[in-house]
Protein backbone atom coordinates (compact mmCIF):
# COMPACT_ATOMS: atom_id res chain seq x y z
CA MET A 1 -21.42 15.18 26.63
CA ALA A 2 -23.33 11.95 27.06
CA PRO A 3 -21.47 8.62 26.99
CA ALA A 4 -23.36 7.60 23.83
CA ALA A 5 -22.10 10.70 22.04
CA TRP A 6 -18.52 9.87 23.05
CA ALA A 7 -18.98 6.35 21.72
CA VAL A 8 -20.23 7.66 18.37
CA ALA A 9 -17.35 10.14 18.19
CA LEU A 10 -14.85 7.38 18.96
CA LEU A 11 -16.30 5.17 16.23
CA ALA A 12 -16.10 8.03 13.73
CA VAL A 13 -12.43 8.67 14.58
CA ALA A 14 -11.64 4.95 14.37
CA ASN A 15 -13.31 4.79 10.95
CA LEU A 16 -11.24 7.74 9.69
CA ALA A 17 -8.06 6.16 11.04
CA TRP A 18 -8.93 2.88 9.30
CA GLN A 19 -9.24 4.69 5.96
CA CYS A 20 -5.66 5.94 6.31
CA LEU A 21 -4.29 2.38 6.20
CA VAL A 22 -3.58 2.59 2.47
CA PHE A 23 -1.81 -0.78 2.38
CA LEU A 24 -5.22 -2.36 2.98
CA ARG A 25 -6.47 -0.81 -0.29
CA THR A 26 -9.16 1.28 1.37
CA ASP A 27 -11.15 4.09 -0.22
CA LEU A 28 -8.27 6.47 0.47
CA TYR A 29 -5.99 4.14 -1.52
CA ALA A 30 -8.39 4.41 -4.49
CA VAL A 31 -8.35 8.21 -4.24
CA MET A 32 -4.54 8.19 -4.01
CA VAL A 33 -4.15 5.90 -7.05
CA THR A 34 -6.50 8.06 -9.09
CA GLY A 35 -4.89 11.32 -7.97
CA LEU A 36 -1.34 10.13 -8.61
CA GLY A 37 -2.23 8.52 -11.93
CA CYS A 38 -0.71 5.18 -10.92
CA PRO A 39 -3.16 2.44 -11.92
CA ASP A 40 -0.87 -0.45 -10.93
CA LEU A 41 0.54 0.98 -7.72
CA ASP A 42 -0.26 -2.05 -5.58
CA ARG A 43 1.60 -4.50 -7.83
CA VAL A 44 4.58 -2.21 -8.41
CA THR A 45 4.88 -1.51 -4.67
CA TYR A 46 4.80 -5.24 -3.94
CA LEU A 47 7.51 -5.99 -6.52
CA TYR A 48 9.64 -3.02 -5.42
CA LEU A 49 9.48 -4.10 -1.78
CA LYS A 50 10.15 -7.73 -2.69
CA ALA A 51 13.18 -6.72 -4.80
CA LYS A 52 14.61 -4.86 -1.82
CA VAL A 53 14.39 -7.96 0.38
CA ARG A 54 15.48 -10.73 -1.98
CA PRO A 55 16.04 -11.32 -5.71
CA VAL A 56 12.90 -11.46 -7.81
CA VAL A 57 12.29 -13.99 -10.58
CA VAL A 58 12.89 -13.02 -14.20
CA GLY A 59 9.26 -12.29 -15.07
CA GLN A 60 8.80 -10.10 -12.01
CA ALA A 61 12.05 -8.24 -12.70
CA GLU A 62 10.84 -7.49 -16.23
CA GLU A 63 7.48 -6.34 -14.90
CA LEU A 64 9.18 -4.04 -12.39
CA GLY A 65 11.59 -2.75 -15.03
CA GLY A 66 8.71 -1.97 -17.37
CA ALA A 67 6.74 -0.04 -14.75
CA ALA A 68 6.01 3.61 -15.40
CA PRO A 69 8.41 6.03 -13.67
CA ARG A 70 5.49 7.61 -11.85
CA ASN A 71 4.49 4.20 -10.43
CA LEU A 72 8.06 3.55 -9.24
CA GLU A 73 8.31 6.96 -7.59
CA ALA A 74 5.02 6.45 -5.76
CA ALA A 75 6.04 2.89 -4.84
CA ARG A 76 9.20 4.17 -3.14
CA TRP A 77 7.10 6.54 -1.07
CA LEU A 78 4.48 3.90 -0.28
CA CYS A 79 7.13 1.33 0.73
CA ALA A 80 8.09 3.60 3.61
CA ARG A 81 4.50 3.26 4.81
CA HIS A 82 4.69 -0.52 4.35
CA GLY A 83 7.80 -0.54 6.54
CA HIS A 84 6.92 -3.71 8.39
CA GLY A 85 6.86 -5.71 5.13
CA THR A 86 3.41 -7.24 5.43
CA HIS A 87 2.00 -6.17 2.11
CA ARG A 88 -1.29 -7.94 1.39
CA GLY A 89 -1.07 -9.67 4.75
CA ALA A 90 1.92 -11.80 3.75
CA SER A 91 5.63 -11.34 4.15
CA PRO A 92 7.54 -10.49 0.96
CA LEU A 93 9.97 -13.21 1.98
CA ARG A 94 7.39 -15.88 1.37
CA ARG A 95 7.54 -17.55 -2.03
CA ARG A 96 4.57 -17.03 -4.34
């Protein structure tokens, strides 16, 4: 195989790997949200992860408490993929 073909193949694999980074809200994230029926998965995951690290403010606690059970279940699963705690490029420890 020619070096140019290897370069194209490597770019294709890198592009597919990039799509699997669901915490970046890629196209795969949109497919996952639609398939799971969780329209507010990003926000619920952020609040769920934040609540695990430190107490959330009253409004956020109410928002998390009012989340659909399906969103909470998916958020628990997605938090394992967010393991490093850098959701949206910022630490959940940082005040918002």
